[in-house]
Protein backbone atom coordinates (compact mmCIF):
# COMPACT_ATOMS: atom_id res chain seq x y z
CA MET A 1 68.09 -40.41 -39.26
CA ALA A 2 68.63 -44.06 -38.26
CA VAL A 3 70.77 -44.56 -41.41
CA LEU A 4 72.96 -41.71 -40.63
CA ILE A 5 73.50 -42.92 -37.06
CA THR A 6 74.45 -46.40 -38.42
CA ASN A 7 76.79 -45.11 -40.84
CA LEU A 8 78.57 -43.07 -38.07
CA CYS A 9 78.74 -46.09 -35.90
CA HIS A 10 80.22 -48.13 -38.79
CA THR A 11 82.83 -45.36 -39.32
CA LEU A 12 83.72 -45.30 -35.74
CA SER A 13 84.18 -49.01 -35.61
CA PHE A 14 86.34 -48.84 -38.78
CA HIS A 15 88.67 -46.16 -37.31
CA HIS A 16 88.92 -47.59 -33.81
CA GLY A 17 88.45 -51.24 -34.60
CA VAL A 18 86.50 -53.76 -32.59
CA ARG A 19 89.57 -55.88 -32.51
CA HIS A 20 91.33 -53.25 -30.36
CA GLY A 21 88.72 -53.58 -27.63
CA THR A 22 87.46 -49.96 -27.87
CA SER A 23 83.63 -50.48 -28.19
CA THR A 24 82.54 -47.71 -25.98
CA LYS A 25 81.80 -45.26 -28.78
CA ILE A 26 79.70 -48.03 -30.62
CA LYS A 27 77.65 -48.52 -27.50
CA LEU A 28 77.09 -44.80 -27.39
CA CYS A 29 75.97 -44.72 -30.89
CA LEU A 30 73.55 -47.59 -30.21
CA LEU A 31 72.11 -45.77 -27.31
CA VAL A 32 71.66 -42.56 -29.37
CA LEU A 33 70.09 -44.59 -32.12
CA ILE A 34 67.41 -46.18 -29.64
CA ALA A 35 66.81 -42.70 -28.11
CA LEU A 36 66.06 -41.02 -31.40
CA CYS A 37 63.73 -43.95 -32.48
CA PHE A 38 61.78 -44.29 -29.24
CA VAL A 39 61.70 -40.90 -27.59
CA PRO A 40 59.52 -39.27 -30.29
CA LEU A 41 57.06 -42.36 -29.92
CA MET A 42 56.98 -41.75 -26.26
CA ILE A 43 56.21 -38.13 -26.70
CA LEU A 44 53.26 -38.91 -28.97
CA GLY A 45 51.98 -41.33 -26.41
CA GLU A 46 52.19 -44.39 -28.52
CA ILE A 47 54.66 -46.04 -26.12
CA LYS A 48 54.48 -45.58 -22.31
CA TRP A 49 56.61 -47.04 -19.61
CA TRP A 50 54.72 -48.35 -16.72
CA TRP A 51 56.94 -49.43 -13.78
CA GLY A 52 54.48 -52.00 -12.66
CA GLY A 53 53.99 -53.60 -15.96
CA GLY A 54 57.08 -53.09 -18.19
CA LEU A 55 57.01 -51.69 -21.75
CA LEU A 56 53.24 -51.35 -22.76
CA LEU A 57 52.19 -50.61 -26.25
CA ARG A 58 48.94 -48.79 -26.38
CA GLN A 59 47.10 -47.71 -29.36
CA GLU A 60 44.52 -44.92 -29.15
CA ASN A 61 41.82 -44.65 -31.82
CA GLN A 62 40.05 -41.43 -32.95
CA LYS A 63 37.21 -42.13 -30.59
CA LYS A 64 39.65 -42.32 -27.60
CA THR A 65 38.75 -45.76 -26.87
CA ALA A 66 39.87 -46.53 -23.34
CA LYS A 67 41.12 -49.99 -22.31
CA SER A 68 40.17 -50.82 -18.62
CA GLY A 69 41.37 -53.79 -16.68
CA PHE A 70 42.17 -55.08 -13.16
CA LEU A 71 44.68 -53.38 -11.05
CA PHE A 72 47.17 -55.53 -9.10
CA SER A 73 48.77 -52.91 -7.10
CA SER A 74 47.60 -52.04 -3.56
CA THR A 75 45.94 -49.01 -2.03
CA THR A 76 44.78 -47.70 1.29
CA ILE A 77 41.16 -46.97 1.72
CA PRO A 78 40.14 -44.35 4.46
CA GLY A 79 39.36 -46.32 7.49
CA GLY A 80 40.92 -49.47 6.35
CA ALA A 81 44.17 -51.36 5.75
CA PRO A 82 46.00 -51.60 2.35
CA ILE A 83 43.87 -53.82 0.06
CA SER A 84 44.98 -55.78 -2.91
CA HIS A 85 43.36 -55.06 -6.33
CA GLY A 86 41.95 -57.77 -8.42
CA ASP A 87 40.08 -60.76 -7.34
CA GLY A 88 39.17 -59.25 -3.98
CA ILE A 89 40.40 -59.89 -0.51
CA GLY A 90 38.18 -60.60 2.51
CA GLY A 91 34.98 -60.27 0.40
CA MET A 92 36.11 -56.88 -0.98
CA MET A 93 36.69 -56.02 -4.60
CA ILE A 94 38.42 -52.84 -5.67
CA ASP A 95 37.90 -51.05 -9.01
CA ARG A 96 39.80 -48.18 -10.51
CA HIS A 97 39.25 -46.55 -13.92
CA GLU A 98 42.32 -45.94 -16.08
CA GLU A 99 42.82 -42.18 -15.93
CA LYS A 100 45.59 -39.80 -16.30
CA ASN A 101 48.41 -39.87 -13.87
CA MET A 102 47.62 -43.36 -13.04
CA THR A 103 50.59 -45.47 -11.99
CA HIS A 104 51.48 -49.29 -11.29
CA HIS A 105 48.82 -50.48 -13.67
CA ILE A 106 48.33 -53.32 -15.96
CA ILE A 107 45.77 -53.47 -18.77
CA VAL A 108 44.04 -56.69 -19.42
CA ASN A 109 40.98 -57.85 -21.27
CA GLY A 110 38.45 -55.86 -23.28
CA SER A 111 37.86 -52.33 -24.53
CA ASN A 112 34.96 -49.99 -24.24
CA SER A 113 34.26 -46.38 -25.00
CA SER A 114 35.45 -43.82 -22.65
CA ASN A 115 33.37 -40.95 -21.31
CA SER A 116 35.12 -38.58 -23.75
CA SER A 117 33.38 -40.33 -26.65
CA LEU A 118 29.93 -40.41 -25.14
CA PRO A 119 26.95 -38.11 -25.32
CA THR A 120 26.97 -35.73 -22.45
CA LEU A 121 23.72 -35.86 -20.58
CA SER A 122 23.47 -32.61 -18.89
CA TRP A 123 20.49 -30.56 -18.03
CA TRP A 124 16.95 -30.49 -19.36
CA ASN A 125 14.36 -27.79 -19.15
CA GLY A 126 12.13 -28.61 -22.04
CA THR A 127 12.75 -25.34 -23.82
CA ASN A 128 16.32 -25.52 -25.28
CA ARG A 129 15.95 -25.80 -29.01
CA GLY A 130 18.14 -25.01 -31.85
CA ASN A 131 21.90 -25.59 -32.17
CA GLU A 132 23.00 -23.02 -29.45
CA ARG A 133 21.34 -21.29 -26.59
CA ASN A 134 23.43 -18.87 -24.49
CA GLY A 135 26.79 -20.51 -25.16
CA THR A 136 25.48 -24.00 -24.72
CA THR A 137 25.99 -26.53 -27.47
CA ILE A 138 23.38 -28.95 -28.59
CA LEU A 139 24.75 -32.55 -28.69
CA PRO A 140 24.98 -34.09 -32.21
CA ALA A 141 24.69 -37.51 -30.87
CA ALA A 142 21.00 -36.93 -29.65
CA VAL A 143 18.19 -36.82 -32.20
CA SER A 144 14.44 -36.38 -31.89
CA SER A 145 12.05 -39.23 -31.84
CA SER A 146 8.33 -39.00 -31.74
CA SER A 147 6.22 -41.16 -29.64
CA PRO A 148 2.73 -41.10 -28.11
CA LEU A 149 4.50 -40.30 -24.91
CA SER A 150 6.46 -37.26 -26.19
CA SER A 151 5.90 -34.29 -28.43
CA PRO A 152 7.08 -34.63 -32.02
CA THR A 153 9.91 -32.34 -31.51
CA ILE A 154 12.25 -33.25 -28.54
CA ALA A 155 15.11 -31.03 -27.91
CA PRO A 156 18.18 -33.14 -26.89
CA PRO A 157 19.91 -32.47 -23.60
CA VAL A 158 22.51 -29.60 -23.79
CA LYS A 159 25.78 -28.84 -21.88
CA LEU A 160 25.54 -27.89 -18.33
CA ASP A 161 25.40 -24.07 -17.96
CA LYS A 162 28.22 -23.04 -15.74
CA ASN A 163 26.07 -20.35 -14.11
CA LEU A 164 23.53 -22.90 -13.07
CA THR A 165 22.77 -22.60 -9.51
CA SER A 166 20.66 -24.66 -7.02
CA ALA A 167 18.03 -21.84 -7.21
CA LYS A 168 17.34 -22.90 -10.82
CA LEU A 169 17.28 -26.63 -10.12
CA CYS A 170 13.82 -28.20 -9.55
CA PRO A 171 13.32 -28.91 -5.95
CA ASN A 172 13.67 -32.58 -4.93
CA GLU A 173 9.83 -32.76 -4.09
CA ASP A 174 9.03 -31.74 -7.69
CA LEU A 175 10.93 -34.53 -9.35
CA SER A 176 8.32 -37.29 -8.69
CA GLU A 177 5.60 -36.10 -10.99
CA GLY A 178 6.53 -36.15 -14.79
CA ARG A 179 6.69 -38.18 -17.88
CA TRP A 180 9.13 -40.23 -19.90
CA ILE A 181 10.48 -38.68 -23.01
CA ASN A 182 11.53 -40.88 -25.98
CA VAL A 183 15.00 -40.02 -27.32
CA THR A 184 17.63 -41.80 -29.47
CA TYR A 185 21.37 -41.39 -29.44
CA ASP A 186 23.97 -42.45 -31.84
CA ILE A 187 25.78 -44.49 -29.12
CA PRO A 188 24.87 -45.89 -25.54
CA PRO A 189 25.99 -44.18 -22.48
CA TYR A 190 28.17 -47.42 -21.77
CA ILE A 191 28.38 -51.04 -22.71
CA PRO A 192 27.56 -53.38 -19.66
CA MET A 193 30.75 -55.19 -19.14
CA ARG A 194 30.65 -56.52 -15.70
CA GLY A 195 30.11 -60.21 -15.26
CA GLU A 196 27.44 -59.72 -12.49
CA VAL A 197 25.24 -57.69 -14.74
CA GLN A 198 25.33 -59.72 -17.86
CA GLN A 199 21.90 -61.21 -17.16
CA LYS A 200 20.57 -57.80 -16.52
CA THR A 201 21.58 -56.29 -19.83
CA CYS A 202 18.47 -55.14 -21.86
CA LEU A 203 17.40 -57.94 -24.20
CA ASP A 204 17.09 -55.56 -27.19
CA PHE A 205 20.44 -53.79 -26.60
CA ASP A 206 22.75 -53.74 -29.47
CA PRO A 207 25.87 -51.59 -29.07
CA ALA A 208 26.30 -51.43 -32.92
CA LYS A 209 22.93 -49.73 -33.44
CA PRO A 210 21.45 -46.34 -32.39
CA PHE A 211 20.49 -46.32 -28.70
CA HIS A 212 16.72 -45.97 -28.13
CA THR A 213 15.77 -44.99 -24.62
CA TYR A 214 13.68 -42.70 -22.57
CA ILE A 215 14.63 -39.84 -20.16
CA TRP A 216 12.54 -38.59 -17.27
CA GLU A 217 11.08 -35.02 -17.46
CA PRO A 218 9.53 -33.59 -14.31
CA THR A 219 6.29 -31.64 -14.89
CA ALA A 220 7.90 -28.81 -12.85
CA VAL A 221 10.28 -28.18 -15.78
CA HIS A 222 7.12 -26.65 -17.67
CA THR A 223 4.99 -25.48 -14.79
CA LYS A 224 7.73 -23.75 -12.77
CA GLY A 225 10.48 -23.22 -15.30
CA CYS A 226 13.12 -25.03 -13.33
CA VAL A 227 15.93 -27.26 -14.42
CA PHE A 228 16.24 -30.98 -14.20
CA ALA A 229 19.97 -31.95 -14.11
CA THR A 230 20.34 -35.22 -15.90
CA PHE A 231 23.65 -37.09 -15.55
CA ASP A 232 26.85 -35.36 -16.56
CA HIS A 233 30.18 -36.99 -15.73
CA ASP A 234 32.23 -33.86 -15.23
CA SER A 235 29.43 -32.28 -13.26
CA PHE A 236 29.04 -35.32 -11.03
CA CYS A 237 32.71 -35.63 -10.49
CA GLN A 238 32.86 -31.89 -9.36
CA VAL A 239 29.99 -32.19 -6.91
CA SER A 240 31.43 -35.44 -5.47
CA ARG A 241 35.05 -34.39 -5.28
CA ASN A 242 36.75 -35.73 -2.17
CA LYS A 243 33.59 -37.46 -1.12
CA THR A 244 32.75 -41.18 -0.49
CA ILE A 245 29.35 -42.31 -1.61
CA ALA A 246 27.97 -45.50 -0.29
CA ILE A 247 24.96 -47.20 -1.80
CA ILE A 248 23.52 -50.03 0.40
CA GLY A 249 20.42 -52.12 -0.08
CA ASP A 250 18.76 -54.92 -2.08
CA SER A 251 19.63 -56.05 -5.48
CA ILE A 252 18.01 -52.96 -7.01
CA SER A 253 20.22 -50.71 -5.05
CA PHE A 254 23.19 -52.74 -6.26
CA ASP A 255 22.00 -52.17 -9.95
CA HIS A 256 22.14 -48.47 -8.92
CA TYR A 257 25.81 -48.92 -7.96
CA LEU A 258 26.47 -50.72 -11.20
CA SER A 259 24.74 -47.84 -13.37
CA LEU A 260 26.64 -45.24 -11.61
CA SER A 261 30.01 -47.09 -11.76
CA HIS A 262 29.42 -47.65 -15.50
CA LEU A 263 28.51 -44.07 -16.06
CA LEU A 264 31.72 -42.96 -14.24
CA GLY A 265 33.94 -45.10 -16.45
CA VAL A 266 34.73 -48.26 -14.56
CA PRO A 267 32.93 -51.10 -16.61
CA LYS A 268 35.48 -53.87 -16.11
CA ALA A 269 34.69 -57.38 -17.11
CA LEU A 270 34.66 -59.03 -13.80
CA PRO A 271 33.97 -62.88 -13.58
CA LYS A 272 30.35 -63.94 -13.38
CA ALA A 273 31.06 -66.39 -10.65
CA ARG A 274 31.79 -64.31 -7.46
CA ASN A 275 30.33 -63.49 -4.03
CA LYS A 276 27.24 -61.68 -5.03
CA ASP A 277 27.21 -59.96 -1.50
CA ALA A 278 30.83 -58.68 -1.68
CA LEU A 279 31.44 -55.12 -0.87
CA LEU A 280 32.58 -53.29 -4.07
CA VAL A 281 34.69 -50.19 -3.88
CA SER A 282 35.35 -48.19 -7.02
CA HIS A 283 37.86 -45.17 -7.15
CA VAL A 284 36.36 -42.83 -9.81
CA CYS A 285 36.69 -39.21 -11.05
CA GLN A 286 40.53 -39.41 -11.25
CA ASN A 287 40.60 -41.00 -7.87
CA SER A 288 38.92 -37.93 -6.24
CA THR A 289 35.70 -39.88 -5.36
CA ILE A 290 35.15 -43.25 -3.74
CA LEU A 291 32.05 -45.13 -4.65
CA ILE A 292 30.91 -48.07 -2.48
CA GLY A 293 28.28 -50.85 -3.47
CA LYS A 294 26.90 -53.31 -1.04
CA ARG A 295 24.05 -55.73 -1.72
CA ASP A 296 22.46 -56.06 1.80
CA PHE A 297 18.77 -57.09 1.71
CA TYR A 298 18.03 -56.01 5.26
CA LEU A 299 20.63 -53.26 6.02
CA HIS A 300 22.78 -55.38 8.35
CA SER A 301 26.03 -53.82 7.15
CA VAL A 302 25.20 -50.18 7.54
CA GLN A 303 27.14 -49.74 10.84
CA ARG A 304 30.22 -51.62 9.54
CA ILE A 305 30.37 -49.57 6.37
CA VAL A 306 29.76 -46.26 8.23
CA GLN A 307 32.56 -47.12 10.64
CA ASP A 308 35.02 -48.38 8.05
CA PHE A 309 34.55 -45.78 5.34
CA PHE A 310 32.79 -42.86 7.00
CA PRO A 311 30.86 -41.90 3.85
CA ASP A 312 29.71 -38.32 2.96
CA VAL A 313 26.64 -39.52 1.11
CA LEU A 314 24.75 -42.66 2.02
CA VAL A 315 21.85 -44.05 -0.18
CA LEU A 316 19.83 -46.66 1.65
CA ASN A 317 16.83 -48.80 0.73
CA ARG A 318 15.25 -52.07 1.74
CA GLY A 319 11.81 -53.43 0.62
CA ALA A 320 12.13 -55.74 -2.24
CA HIS A 321 12.72 -58.71 0.17
CA TYR A 322 9.58 -58.58 2.04
CA VAL A 323 9.05 -58.96 5.69
CA ILE A 324 5.96 -58.03 7.72
CA ASP A 325 5.31 -54.55 8.63
CA GLN A 326 6.08 -55.03 12.49
CA GLU A 327 9.51 -56.70 11.66
CA LEU A 328 10.36 -53.95 9.16
CA MET A 329 9.55 -51.10 11.49
CA ARG A 330 11.20 -52.67 14.58
CA HIS A 331 14.46 -53.04 12.65
CA MET A 332 14.36 -49.43 11.31
CA ASN A 333 13.35 -47.91 14.71
CA GLN A 334 15.62 -49.98 16.97
CA THR A 335 18.58 -50.54 14.68
CA VAL A 336 18.89 -48.47 11.55
CA PHE A 337 17.89 -45.16 12.88
CA PRO A 338 20.23 -45.19 15.92
CA GLN A 339 23.07 -46.23 13.57
CA LEU A 340 22.28 -43.38 11.25
CA HIS A 341 21.97 -40.92 14.32
CA ASP A 342 25.57 -41.91 15.35
CA TRP A 343 26.82 -41.40 11.81
CA GLN A 344 25.38 -38.04 11.54
CA GLN A 345 26.52 -36.91 14.89
CA ASN A 346 30.13 -38.03 13.81
CA CYS A 347 29.72 -36.12 10.63
CA ARG A 348 28.98 -32.95 12.72
CA LEU A 349 31.92 -33.51 15.10
CA HIS A 350 34.28 -33.80 12.02
CA GLY A 351 32.65 -30.82 10.19
CA LYS A 352 31.49 -32.96 7.30
CA ASP A 353 28.29 -31.98 5.55
CA CYS A 354 26.90 -35.51 5.23
CA MET A 355 23.88 -36.48 3.16
CA LEU A 356 21.39 -39.25 3.82
CA ILE A 357 19.12 -40.42 1.07
CA TRP A 358 16.30 -43.01 1.40
CA ARG A 359 15.25 -44.56 -1.80
CA THR A 360 11.71 -45.68 -1.97
CA SER A 361 11.08 -49.27 -3.28
CA VAL A 362 9.53 -49.99 -6.70
CA PRO A 363 7.55 -52.99 -7.31
CA GLY A 364 7.74 -55.23 -10.25
CA HIS A 365 5.22 -55.24 -13.01
CA PRO A 366 3.16 -58.43 -13.49
CA ASN A 367 3.16 -59.74 -17.21
CA CYS A 368 5.91 -57.12 -18.02
CA THR A 369 6.76 -58.61 -21.45
CA GLN A 370 3.56 -57.29 -22.90
CA TYR A 371 4.80 -53.66 -22.40
CA LYS A 372 6.82 -52.06 -25.14
CA GLU A 373 6.93 -48.32 -23.82
CA PRO A 374 6.47 -46.54 -20.56
CA SER A 375 3.01 -45.98 -18.93
CA THR A 376 1.39 -42.55 -18.72
CA SER A 377 -0.80 -43.48 -15.69
CA LEU A 378 0.22 -44.11 -12.22
CA GLU A 379 -3.22 -45.17 -11.24
CA GLU A 380 -3.19 -47.89 -13.98
CA MET A 381 0.26 -49.30 -12.94
CA GLU A 382 -0.87 -49.28 -9.14
CA GLN A 383 -3.97 -51.12 -10.16
CA LEU A 384 -1.96 -53.59 -12.04
CA VAL A 385 0.29 -54.37 -9.06
CA HIS A 386 -2.57 -54.41 -6.70
CA ASP A 387 -4.45 -57.06 -8.76
CA HIS A 388 -1.68 -59.24 -9.85
CA GLY A 389 1.33 -58.59 -7.69
CA ARG A 390 0.52 -60.48 -4.51
CA ALA A 391 2.78 -63.50 -5.23
CA TYR A 392 5.83 -61.53 -4.43
CA HIS A 393 4.12 -59.11 -2.11
CA TRP A 394 4.59 -56.30 -4.66
CA ASP A 395 1.22 -55.06 -3.64
CA GLN A 396 2.66 -54.17 -0.30
CA PHE A 397 5.47 -51.89 -1.44
CA LEU A 398 3.33 -48.74 -1.56
CA ILE A 399 2.15 -49.53 2.04
CA GLN A 400 5.67 -49.98 3.38
CA ASN A 401 7.01 -47.04 1.58
CA LYS A 402 4.47 -44.99 3.51
CA LEU A 403 5.34 -46.64 6.75
CA VAL A 404 9.10 -46.05 6.41
CA LEU A 405 8.68 -42.46 5.37
CA ASP A 406 6.41 -41.88 8.20
CA ALA A 407 9.10 -43.31 10.57
CA PHE A 408 11.75 -40.98 8.95
CA LYS A 409 9.56 -37.95 9.72
CA TRP A 410 9.26 -39.14 13.36
CA ALA A 411 13.03 -39.68 13.57
CA SER A 412 13.73 -36.24 12.20
CA SER A 413 12.01 -34.73 15.14
CA SER A 414 14.32 -34.29 18.02
CA ALA A 415 11.40 -33.59 20.36
CA LYS A 416 9.67 -36.89 19.58
CA SER A 417 12.51 -39.26 18.78
CA GLY A 418 15.54 -37.57 20.15
CA LEU A 419 17.37 -38.57 16.94
CA ASN A 420 16.99 -35.39 14.99
CA LEU A 421 17.87 -37.27 11.63
CA THR A 422 18.26 -35.04 8.44
CA TYR A 423 17.42 -36.87 5.22
CA ALA A 424 16.17 -36.57 1.69
CA VAL A 425 13.85 -38.88 -0.26
CA MET A 426 14.62 -40.35 -3.72
CA ASP A 427 11.09 -41.13 -4.77
CA ALA A 428 11.95 -44.02 -7.14
CA TYR A 429 8.51 -45.42 -6.68
CA SER A 430 6.64 -42.60 -8.46
CA VAL A 431 9.18 -42.59 -11.32
CA ASN A 432 9.90 -46.22 -12.20
CA ILE A 433 6.51 -47.63 -11.53
CA LEU A 434 5.82 -46.07 -14.90
CA ARG A 435 8.34 -48.33 -16.59
CA PRO A 436 6.74 -51.75 -17.14
CA ASP A 437 8.83 -51.94 -20.37
CA MET A 438 12.25 -51.79 -18.69
CA HIS A 439 12.73 -55.06 -17.13
CA ALA A 440 15.69 -57.32 -17.66
CA GLY A 441 14.98 -61.00 -17.54
CA GLY A 442 11.79 -61.34 -19.71
CA PRO A 443 8.91 -63.26 -18.11
CA ARG A 444 11.24 -64.69 -15.31
CA ASP A 445 12.18 -61.28 -13.95
CA CYS A 446 9.69 -58.43 -14.01
CA LEU A 447 11.34 -56.73 -10.91
CA HIS A 448 14.77 -55.77 -11.93
CA THR A 449 15.34 -53.13 -14.63
CA CYS A 450 17.91 -53.50 -17.33
CA LEU A 451 21.14 -51.81 -18.25
CA PRO A 452 22.24 -49.60 -20.02
CA LYS A 453 18.46 -48.15 -20.17
CA ASP A 454 17.84 -47.67 -16.53
CA ASN A 455 20.19 -44.95 -15.13
CA THR A 456 17.31 -43.13 -13.46
CA TYR A 457 18.60 -43.39 -9.87
CA SER A 458 22.10 -42.11 -11.06
CA TRP A 459 20.39 -39.11 -12.62
CA LEU A 460 18.35 -38.40 -9.51
CA LEU A 461 21.31 -38.64 -7.23
CA HIS A 462 23.41 -36.34 -9.36
CA HIS A 463 20.47 -33.85 -9.08
CA MET A 464 20.03 -34.21 -5.45
CA MET A 465 23.71 -33.65 -4.72
CA LEU A 466 23.70 -30.61 -6.91
CA LEU A 467 20.83 -29.34 -4.78
CA LYS A 468 22.95 -29.96 -1.60
CA TYR A 469 26.48 -29.36 -2.57
CA GLY A 470 26.32 -27.43 -5.93
């Protein structure tokens, strides 16, 4: 086709002659030539025109690898002024995943697998075996793996049943008791790419090898026949649509934000050297959900975040940075609870069905490097922490968890407190105290867990939101 157009242009120039100054038709031929060459490529998606970035060539492989980078445009966040994307302005950093219909967007460093190529972690009820059950499809990426902690034949997670209702889901209070099941996937759920988590990447993690991990299985799955909804990208996006989720707390809470942001497709390589206490805001799920992460050891920023962003879901914790009981409870009763009361009152005034989640604190595991798999004994782990966890006050976590939960019960009673708080508890303590094997920093860090293995709180959050909103 290009040859025919070239010959035509040559013929026109021969008859009309460039020397006569009639080059209009030649220019027209050249435009036709360019259109015929480039339009098919644009249709095929090989060349896209981005008004903010010029002509961008983008290759897509068979696994739909997505290239994610910084955004240098501006946006307006609910409750705030326009904020620049990139290095962060005023202690705030903004993320946005490359999704369909995205505009004004420049792709920079690195590439990592998009969610379309990842195994879908959906729902688990311990009974789904075989290739298909009731229209659901077993994921080929998941294979069975025997372990002293699991039965020899482990059914992999299956796609979420569209008819699944909250009545079939395990109640939140039944998620605390269970066991860790050993499974293997062909590929990991994501590759940790963010600068601030490089030191928290699992030491044995190799993205080129099969991904060995454990998933939580509540006992109620067998005793009550209910369903535990593990993490599914599309399901989470559906239940969080048009919502703002804020996760505020210590560095463990910030790890939760990092896990969730990775699972939702925003693992951008940020520089390691940055303000660790910066407020991070991620636009996920095709920009239908806002995810906020704030590392705040003592919950001093709750009021500011609630006022600036007015979140629908608020996940809070404090505890890893120990203070004496009296100081902890004074701050909760006199500062945090009144702020939460005002936020929930505002939610009611605006017709928002807001959700408050308190995550319990999980102590570290002394001598964690000696453990190669999860524990099956809560009593054994509690004894370990009690006997050897005093240096960092880990032995006080169980006590202070109870103090705070008792205070929440008091605050939920309008007759006693006048606050009438509504809340749910994410019992991280009972689940992750059984994971002495999942710490990030070797002998120097037996408190923080590592990525991409520990997505437990993201799974629990997904399940809890399905119970409330699904």
